[in-house]
Amino acid sequence: MRIGNFIPAFKDEGEVIAIFGQAELVKHLNGKSNYELRGGSAEDHIKAEAWISMFLHEAVVRLRQ
């Protein structure tokens, strides 16, 4: 038997760091793009960008609709 049959493949769904209205700031462990902003309106994105610039200024955030 193969060990792959017993151990499911790892999926990095991410961890929600903060929520701004309908937008979620998600941290990934994959090392490519560490943070992602999912969903929300343009106003939610503006609030998220302001928060990120104050508290998480070293982050590179990818946008996903």
N, C-alpha and C. Protein backbone atom coordinates (compact mmCIF):
# COMPACT_ATOMS: atom_id res chain seq x y z
N MET A 1 0.83 -1.19 0.00
CA MET A 1 0.00 0.00 0.00
C MET A 1 0.87 1.24 0.00
N ARG A 2 0.40 2.24 -0.67
CA ARG A 2 1.11 3.51 -0.72
C ARG A 2 0.68 4.39 0.44
N ILE A 3 1.64 5.13 0.99
CA ILE A 3 1.34 6.01 2.12
C ILE A 3 0.41 7.16 1.70
N GLY A 4 0.45 7.54 0.42
CA GLY A 4 -0.41 8.61 -0.08
C GLY A 4 -1.89 8.28 0.02
N ASN A 5 -2.21 6.99 0.10
CA ASN A 5 -3.60 6.58 0.23
C ASN A 5 -4.14 6.86 1.63
N PHE A 6 -3.26 6.95 2.61
CA PHE A 6 -3.67 7.15 3.99
C PHE A 6 -3.58 8.59 4.46
N ILE A 7 -2.69 9.37 3.85
CA ILE A 7 -2.47 10.76 4.27
C ILE A 7 -3.03 11.68 3.18
N PRO A 8 -4.02 12.49 3.51
CA PRO A 8 -4.58 13.38 2.49
C PRO A 8 -3.58 14.47 2.10
N ALA A 9 -3.72 14.97 0.89
CA ALA A 9 -2.84 16.03 0.39
C ALA A 9 -3.05 17.30 1.22
N PHE A 10 -1.95 18.00 1.50
CA PHE A 10 -2.02 19.23 2.28
C PHE A 10 -2.55 20.36 1.41
N LYS A 11 -3.57 21.06 1.89
CA LYS A 11 -4.12 22.22 1.20
C LYS A 11 -3.96 23.41 2.13
N ASP A 12 -3.36 24.46 1.63
CA ASP A 12 -3.18 25.67 2.42
C ASP A 12 -4.35 26.60 2.15
N GLU A 13 -5.41 26.45 2.91
CA GLU A 13 -6.59 27.30 2.76
C GLU A 13 -6.36 28.66 3.38
N GLY A 14 -5.39 28.77 4.27
CA GLY A 14 -5.07 30.04 4.89
C GLY A 14 -5.80 30.26 6.20
N GLU A 15 -5.31 31.23 6.94
CA GLU A 15 -5.89 31.59 8.24
C GLU A 15 -6.40 33.02 8.15
N VAL A 16 -7.64 33.25 8.53
CA VAL A 16 -8.21 34.60 8.48
C VAL A 16 -7.59 35.42 9.60
N ILE A 17 -6.94 36.53 9.23
CA ILE A 17 -6.27 37.42 10.17
C ILE A 17 -7.21 38.53 10.63
N ALA A 18 -7.95 39.11 9.69
CA ALA A 18 -8.86 40.21 10.01
C ALA A 18 -10.00 40.24 8.99
N ILE A 19 -11.12 40.83 9.39
CA ILE A 19 -12.28 40.97 8.51
C ILE A 19 -12.66 42.44 8.45
N PHE A 20 -12.88 42.92 7.23
CA PHE A 20 -13.28 44.31 6.99
C PHE A 20 -14.56 44.29 6.17
N GLY A 21 -15.69 44.40 6.82
CA GLY A 21 -16.98 44.28 6.13
C GLY A 21 -17.12 42.87 5.59
N GLN A 22 -17.15 42.73 4.27
CA GLN A 22 -17.23 41.42 3.63
C GLN A 22 -15.86 40.92 3.17
N ALA A 23 -14.83 41.73 3.30
CA ALA A 23 -13.48 41.34 2.88
C ALA A 23 -12.74 40.64 4.02
N GLU A 24 -11.99 39.60 3.66
CA GLU A 24 -11.20 38.86 4.64
C GLU A 24 -9.72 38.95 4.28
N LEU A 25 -8.89 39.24 5.25
CA LEU A 25 -7.44 39.22 5.08
C LEU A 25 -6.96 37.85 5.54
N VAL A 26 -6.37 37.09 4.61
CA VAL A 26 -6.00 35.70 4.87
C VAL A 26 -4.48 35.56 4.77
N LYS A 27 -3.89 34.85 5.73
CA LYS A 27 -2.45 34.58 5.72
C LYS A 27 -2.23 33.15 5.25
N HIS A 28 -1.32 32.98 4.28
CA HIS A 28 -0.99 31.66 3.74
C HIS A 28 0.39 31.24 4.21
N LEU A 29 0.62 29.94 4.22
CA LEU A 29 1.90 29.40 4.62
C LEU A 29 2.76 28.99 3.43
N ASN A 30 2.29 29.19 2.21
CA ASN A 30 3.00 28.70 1.03
C ASN A 30 4.25 29.49 0.68
N GLY A 31 4.42 30.68 1.21
CA GLY A 31 5.62 31.46 0.96
C GLY A 31 5.60 32.26 -0.33
N LYS A 32 4.66 32.03 -1.22
CA LYS A 32 4.61 32.76 -2.48
C LYS A 32 4.04 34.15 -2.25
N SER A 33 2.79 34.21 -1.94
CA SER A 33 2.13 35.46 -1.59
C SER A 33 1.55 35.23 -0.20
N ASN A 34 2.17 35.78 0.79
CA ASN A 34 1.83 35.45 2.17
C ASN A 34 0.44 35.90 2.59
N TYR A 35 -0.05 36.99 2.04
CA TYR A 35 -1.35 37.52 2.45
C TYR A 35 -2.24 37.72 1.23
N GLU A 36 -3.54 37.54 1.45
CA GLU A 36 -4.51 37.67 0.37
C GLU A 36 -5.76 38.36 0.92
N LEU A 37 -6.31 39.30 0.16
CA LEU A 37 -7.54 39.98 0.53
C LEU A 37 -8.65 39.40 -0.36
N ARG A 38 -9.62 38.74 0.28
CA ARG A 38 -10.68 38.05 -0.45
C ARG A 38 -12.00 38.78 -0.30
N GLY A 39 -12.69 38.95 -1.44
CA GLY A 39 -14.05 39.47 -1.43
C GLY A 39 -14.16 40.91 -0.99
N GLY A 40 -15.39 41.33 -0.72
CA GLY A 40 -15.65 42.67 -0.22
C GLY A 40 -15.82 43.70 -1.32
N SER A 41 -16.24 44.88 -0.90
CA SER A 41 -16.46 45.99 -1.82
C SER A 41 -15.23 46.88 -1.87
N ALA A 42 -15.29 47.91 -2.70
CA ALA A 42 -14.18 48.86 -2.79
C ALA A 42 -13.96 49.58 -1.46
N GLU A 43 -15.04 49.88 -0.75
CA GLU A 43 -14.93 50.53 0.56
C GLU A 43 -14.25 49.61 1.58
N ASP A 44 -14.59 48.32 1.53
CA ASP A 44 -13.94 47.35 2.41
C ASP A 44 -12.44 47.27 2.12
N HIS A 45 -12.07 47.34 0.86
CA HIS A 45 -10.66 47.28 0.46
C HIS A 45 -9.91 48.51 0.96
N ILE A 46 -10.54 49.67 0.91
CA ILE A 46 -9.91 50.90 1.40
C ILE A 46 -9.64 50.79 2.90
N LYS A 47 -10.63 50.28 3.64
CA LYS A 47 -10.45 50.09 5.09
C LYS A 47 -9.33 49.09 5.37
N ALA A 48 -9.29 48.01 4.60
CA ALA A 48 -8.26 47.00 4.79
C ALA A 48 -6.87 47.57 4.48
N GLU A 49 -6.75 48.34 3.42
CA GLU A 49 -5.46 48.93 3.06
C GLU A 49 -4.97 49.89 4.14
N ALA A 50 -5.89 50.64 4.72
CA ALA A 50 -5.50 51.56 5.80
C ALA A 50 -5.02 50.79 7.02
N TRP A 51 -5.72 49.72 7.38
CA TRP A 51 -5.32 48.91 8.53
C TRP A 51 -3.97 48.23 8.28
N ILE A 52 -3.80 47.70 7.07
CA ILE A 52 -2.55 47.03 6.71
C ILE A 52 -1.38 48.01 6.76
N SER A 53 -1.58 49.23 6.29
CA SER A 53 -0.50 50.21 6.29
C SER A 53 -0.08 50.59 7.70
N MET A 54 -0.98 50.50 8.68
CA MET A 54 -0.64 50.85 10.06
C MET A 54 -0.09 49.66 10.85
N PHE A 55 -0.69 48.49 10.69
CA PHE A 55 -0.38 47.38 11.57
C PHE A 55 0.37 46.22 10.91
N LEU A 56 0.38 46.15 9.61
CA LEU A 56 1.01 45.04 8.91
C LEU A 56 1.75 45.56 7.68
N HIS A 57 2.50 46.63 7.89
CA HIS A 57 3.10 47.38 6.79
C HIS A 57 4.12 46.58 5.98
N GLU A 58 4.67 45.50 6.53
CA GLU A 58 5.65 44.70 5.78
C GLU A 58 5.00 43.70 4.83
N ALA A 59 3.69 43.56 4.91
CA ALA A 59 2.96 42.56 4.13
C ALA A 59 2.81 42.98 2.67
N VAL A 60 2.90 41.97 1.81
CA VAL A 60 2.56 42.13 0.41
C VAL A 60 1.24 41.41 0.21
N VAL A 61 0.20 42.17 -0.14
CA VAL A 61 -1.15 41.63 -0.18
C VAL A 61 -1.58 41.43 -1.63
N ARG A 62 -2.10 40.24 -1.90
CA ARG A 62 -2.64 39.91 -3.21
C ARG A 62 -4.15 40.05 -3.13
N LEU A 63 -4.79 40.55 -4.17
CA LEU A 63 -6.23 40.76 -4.19
C LEU A 63 -6.91 39.61 -4.92
N ARG A 64 -7.98 39.08 -4.34
CA ARG A 64 -8.75 38.00 -4.99
C ARG A 64 -10.23 38.32 -4.84
N GLN A 65 -10.94 38.32 -5.95
CA GLN A 65 -12.37 38.63 -5.95
C GLN A 65 -13.21 37.42 -5.76
